[in-house]
């Protein structure tokens, strides 16, 4: 079984404001770490091309505003992995963002720990962005 780590961050901003930002693939370069190095570009339909430090990936997001689900699907050549996340309301002017990092199959030693650390850094970026 591959390892998984679920992390969360409290964000001091209304759900709708955070939702619009996180669920929009065109903002990934503003808050992800070691992923989107520039704004993703629309390829077709809901499929985007993301330039990463390790080359191009395709990405689409399955999101539902009512449930708060924001699932990032990314991969190459039609084969996609998923990074599940969820945005939860916490009163009128706050929310909690939850993200699960899975260990990639055949990951070299230390990669999973680095990916978890990247999520922590992303949460710091989001917390600063949505500071009152």
C-alpha atoms as a PDB file:
ATOM      1  CA  UNK A   1       0.000   0.000   0.000  1.00  0.00           C
ATOM      2  CA  UNK A   2       1.251   3.471  -0.865  1.00  0.00           C
ATOM      3  CA  UNK A   3       1.502   6.055   1.885  1.00  0.00           C
ATOM      4  CA  UNK A   4      -0.864   9.017   2.118  1.00  0.00           C
ATOM      5  CA  UNK A   5      -0.840  12.157   4.244  1.00  0.00           C
ATOM      6  CA  UNK A   6      -3.837  14.457   4.708  1.00  0.00           C
ATOM      7  CA  UNK A   7      -3.124  18.037   5.724  1.00  0.00           C
ATOM      8  CA  UNK A   8      -5.334  21.064   6.296  1.00  0.00           C
ATOM      9  CA  UNK A   9      -5.051  24.807   6.648  1.00  0.00           C
ATOM     10  CA  UNK A  10      -7.442  27.387   8.073  1.00  0.00           C
ATOM     11  CA  UNK A  11      -8.007  30.278   5.680  1.00  0.00           C
ATOM     12  CA  UNK A  12      -9.408  33.577   6.890  1.00  0.00           C
ATOM     13  CA  UNK A  13     -11.534  34.429   3.867  1.00  0.00           C
ATOM     14  CA  UNK A  14     -15.047  33.644   2.669  1.00  0.00           C
ATOM     15  CA  UNK A  15     -15.542  30.247   1.031  1.00  0.00           C
ATOM     16  CA  UNK A  16     -16.547  31.699  -2.358  1.00  0.00           C
ATOM     17  CA  UNK A  17     -13.434  33.851  -2.646  1.00  0.00           C
ATOM     18  CA  UNK A  18     -11.106  30.947  -1.835  1.00  0.00           C
ATOM     19  CA  UNK A  19     -13.135  28.566  -4.000  1.00  0.00           C
ATOM     20  CA  UNK A  20     -12.786  30.745  -7.094  1.00  0.00           C
ATOM     21  CA  UNK A  21      -9.023  30.909  -6.620  1.00  0.00           C
ATOM     22  CA  UNK A  22      -8.174  27.283  -5.780  1.00  0.00           C
ATOM     23  CA  UNK A  23     -10.580  25.650  -8.250  1.00  0.00           C
ATOM     24  CA  UNK A  24      -9.263  27.750 -11.171  1.00  0.00           C
ATOM     25  CA  UNK A  25      -6.381  25.924 -12.905  1.00  0.00           C
ATOM     26  CA  UNK A  26      -5.102  29.254 -14.247  1.00  0.00           C
ATOM     27  CA  UNK A  27      -3.999  30.252 -10.711  1.00  0.00           C
ATOM     28  CA  UNK A  28      -1.873  27.170  -9.959  1.00  0.00           C
ATOM     29  CA  UNK A  29       1.391  28.990 -10.676  1.00  0.00           C
ATOM     30  CA  UNK A  30       0.528  31.495  -7.934  1.00  0.00           C
ATOM     31  CA  UNK A  31       0.367  28.981  -5.098  1.00  0.00           C
ATOM     32  CA  UNK A  32       1.751  25.575  -5.999  1.00  0.00           C
ATOM     33  CA  UNK A  33       5.322  24.590  -5.140  1.00  0.00           C
ATOM     34  CA  UNK A  34       7.434  22.659  -7.647  1.00  0.00           C
ATOM     35  CA  UNK A  35       4.475  22.284 -10.012  1.00  0.00           C
ATOM     36  CA  UNK A  36       3.098  25.003 -12.311  1.00  0.00           C
ATOM     37  CA  UNK A  37       5.904  27.386 -13.272  1.00  0.00           C
ATOM     38  CA  UNK A  38       3.635  29.601 -15.383  1.00  0.00           C
ATOM     39  CA  UNK A  39      -0.106  29.938 -15.966  1.00  0.00           C
ATOM     40  CA  UNK A  40      -1.487  26.672 -17.365  1.00  0.00           C
ATOM     41  CA  UNK A  41      -2.789  26.953 -20.905  1.00  0.00           C
ATOM     42  CA  UNK A  42      -6.115  25.588 -22.103  1.00  0.00           C
ATOM     43  CA  UNK A  43      -5.629  22.673 -24.510  1.00  0.00           C
ATOM     44  CA  UNK A  44      -9.257  21.733 -25.195  1.00  0.00           C
ATOM     45  CA  UNK A  45     -12.513  21.579 -23.258  1.00  0.00           C
ATOM     46  CA  UNK A  46     -11.459  21.444 -19.585  1.00  0.00           C
ATOM     47  CA  UNK A  47      -7.983  20.031 -20.261  1.00  0.00           C
ATOM     48  CA  UNK A  48      -4.997  22.276 -19.517  1.00  0.00           C
ATOM     49  CA  UNK A  49      -1.293  21.948 -20.249  1.00  0.00           C
ATOM     50  CA  UNK A  50       0.900  22.680 -17.229  1.00  0.00           C
ATOM     51  CA  UNK A  51       4.615  23.399 -17.558  1.00  0.00           C
ATOM     52  CA  UNK A  52       6.393  21.944 -14.541  1.00  0.00           C
ATOM     53  CA  UNK A  53      10.066  21.688 -13.611  1.00  0.00           C
ATOM     54  CA  UNK A  54       9.927  18.105 -14.936  1.00  0.00           C
ATOM     55  CA  UNK A  55       8.192  18.863 -18.240  1.00  0.00           C
ATOM     56  CA  UNK A  56       4.637  19.245 -19.444  1.00  0.00           C
ATOM     57  CA  UNK A  57       1.641  17.590 -17.825  1.00  0.00           C
ATOM     58  CA  UNK A  58      -2.019  17.604 -18.742  1.00  0.00           C
ATOM     59  CA  UNK A  59      -4.466  18.613 -16.026  1.00  0.00           C
ATOM     60  CA  UNK A  60      -8.163  18.850 -15.447  1.00  0.00           C
ATOM     61  CA  UNK A  61     -10.083  19.665 -12.290  1.00  0.00           C
ATOM     62  CA  UNK A  62     -13.301  18.061 -11.098  1.00  0.00           C
ATOM     63  CA  UNK A  63     -14.872  20.463  -8.652  1.00  0.00           C
ATOM     64  CA  UNK A  64     -18.220  20.793  -6.954  1.00  0.00           C
ATOM     65  CA  UNK A  65     -18.978  24.051  -5.169  1.00  0.00           C
ATOM     66  CA  UNK A  66     -21.760  22.537  -3.065  1.00  0.00           C
ATOM     67  CA  UNK A  67     -19.643  19.726  -1.598  1.00  0.00           C
ATOM     68  CA  UNK A  68     -16.356  21.655  -1.732  1.00  0.00           C
ATOM     69  CA  UNK A  69     -14.579  18.877  -3.647  1.00  0.00           C
ATOM     70  CA  UNK A  70     -11.641  20.069  -5.778  1.00  0.00           C
ATOM     71  CA  UNK A  71      -9.876  17.087  -7.353  1.00  0.00           C
ATOM     72  CA  UNK A  72      -6.794  17.704  -9.475  1.00  0.00           C
ATOM     73  CA  UNK A  73      -6.233  15.106 -12.217  1.00  0.00           C
ATOM     74  CA  UNK A  74      -2.816  15.259 -13.861  1.00  0.00           C
ATOM     75  CA  UNK A  75      -0.737  13.068 -16.137  1.00  0.00           C
ATOM     76  CA  UNK A  76       0.579  12.343 -19.594  1.00  0.00           C
ATOM     77  CA  UNK A  77      -0.664  10.441 -22.611  1.00  0.00           C
ATOM     78  CA  UNK A  78      -4.179   9.992 -21.210  1.00  0.00           C
ATOM     79  CA  UNK A  79      -3.005   8.375 -17.952  1.00  0.00           C
ATOM     80  CA  UNK A  80      -3.982  10.505 -14.958  1.00  0.00           C
ATOM     81  CA  UNK A  81      -3.259  10.508 -11.228  1.00  0.00           C
ATOM     82  CA  UNK A  82      -5.490  12.315  -8.778  1.00  0.00           C
ATOM     83  CA  UNK A  83      -4.750  14.728  -5.960  1.00  0.00           C
ATOM     84  CA  UNK A  84      -7.973  14.990  -3.960  1.00  0.00           C
ATOM     85  CA  UNK A  85      -8.805  18.066  -1.948  1.00  0.00           C
ATOM     86  CA  UNK A  86     -11.767  19.729  -0.345  1.00  0.00           C
ATOM     87  CA  UNK A  87     -12.675  23.213   0.770  1.00  0.00           C
ATOM     88  CA  UNK A  88     -14.928  23.360   3.837  1.00  0.00           C
ATOM     89  CA  UNK A  89     -16.939  26.303   5.101  1.00  0.00           C
ATOM     90  CA  UNK A  90     -16.013  27.465   8.602  1.00  0.00           C
ATOM     91  CA  UNK A  91     -18.522  30.201   9.367  1.00  0.00           C
ATOM     92  CA  UNK A  92     -19.174  33.135   7.050  1.00  0.00           C
ATOM     93  CA  UNK A  93     -15.659  34.525   6.723  1.00  0.00           C
ATOM     94  CA  UNK A  94     -13.400  31.493   6.957  1.00  0.00           C
ATOM     95  CA  UNK A  95     -12.828  28.063   5.493  1.00  0.00           C
ATOM     96  CA  UNK A  96     -10.569  25.042   5.812  1.00  0.00           C
ATOM     97  CA  UNK A  97      -8.667  23.597   2.852  1.00  0.00           C
ATOM     98  CA  UNK A  98      -7.896  19.868   3.080  1.00  0.00           C
ATOM     99  CA  UNK A  99      -5.464  18.116   0.726  1.00  0.00           C
ATOM    100  CA  UNK A 100      -4.343  14.486   0.596  1.00  0.00           C
ATOM    101  CA  UNK A 101      -0.900  13.757  -0.803  1.00  0.00           C
ATOM    102  CA  UNK A 102      -0.422  10.199  -2.017  1.00  0.00           C
ATOM    103  CA  UNK A 103       2.954   8.603  -2.502  1.00  0.00           C
ATOM    104  CA  UNK A 104       3.545   8.199  -6.254  1.00  0.00           C
ATOM    105  CA  UNK A 105       3.966   4.606  -7.446  1.00  0.00           C
ATOM    106  CA  UNK A 106       7.648   3.624  -7.696  1.00  0.00           C
ATOM    107  CA  UNK A 107       8.691   6.865  -5.984  1.00  0.00           C
ATOM    108  CA  UNK A 108      12.379   7.134  -5.096  1.00  0.00           C
ATOM    109  CA  UNK A 109      13.345   7.378  -1.432  1.00  0.00           C
ATOM    110  CA  UNK A 110      12.526  10.779   0.025  1.00  0.00           C
ATOM    111  CA  UNK A 111      10.123  11.920  -2.701  1.00  0.00           C
ATOM    112  CA  UNK A 112       6.958  11.407  -0.663  1.00  0.00           C
ATOM    113  CA  UNK A 113       8.379  13.411   2.245  1.00  0.00           C
ATOM    114  CA  UNK A 114       9.351  16.218  -0.160  1.00  0.00           C
ATOM    115  CA  UNK A 115       5.855  16.279  -1.659  1.00  0.00           C
ATOM    116  CA  UNK A 116       4.304  16.549   1.810  1.00  0.00           C
ATOM    117  CA  UNK A 117       6.678  19.411   2.604  1.00  0.00           C
ATOM    118  CA  UNK A 118       5.610  21.103  -0.651  1.00  0.00           C
ATOM    119  CA  UNK A 119       1.965  20.918   0.462  1.00  0.00           C
ATOM    120  CA  UNK A 120       2.918  22.568   3.759  1.00  0.00           C
ATOM    121  CA  UNK A 121       4.629  25.387   1.818  1.00  0.00           C
ATOM    122  CA  UNK A 122       1.571  25.744  -0.421  1.00  0.00           C
ATOM    123  CA  UNK A 123      -0.608  26.095   2.661  1.00  0.00           C
ATOM    124  CA  UNK A 124       1.668  28.876   3.910  1.00  0.00           C
ATOM    125  CA  UNK A 125       1.273  30.659   0.564  1.00  0.00           C
ATOM    126  CA  UNK A 126      -2.513  30.297   0.703  1.00  0.00           C
ATOM    127  CA  UNK A 127      -2.691  31.451   4.324  1.00  0.00           C
ATOM    128  CA  UNK A 128      -0.740  34.614   3.424  1.00  0.00           C
ATOM    129  CA  UNK A 129      -2.861  35.243   0.350  1.00  0.00           C
ATOM    130  CA  UNK A 130      -6.103  34.984   2.309  1.00  0.00           C
ATOM    131  CA  UNK A 131      -4.965  36.823   5.411  1.00  0.00           C
ATOM    132  CA  UNK A 132      -7.497  39.519   6.416  1.00  0.00           C
END
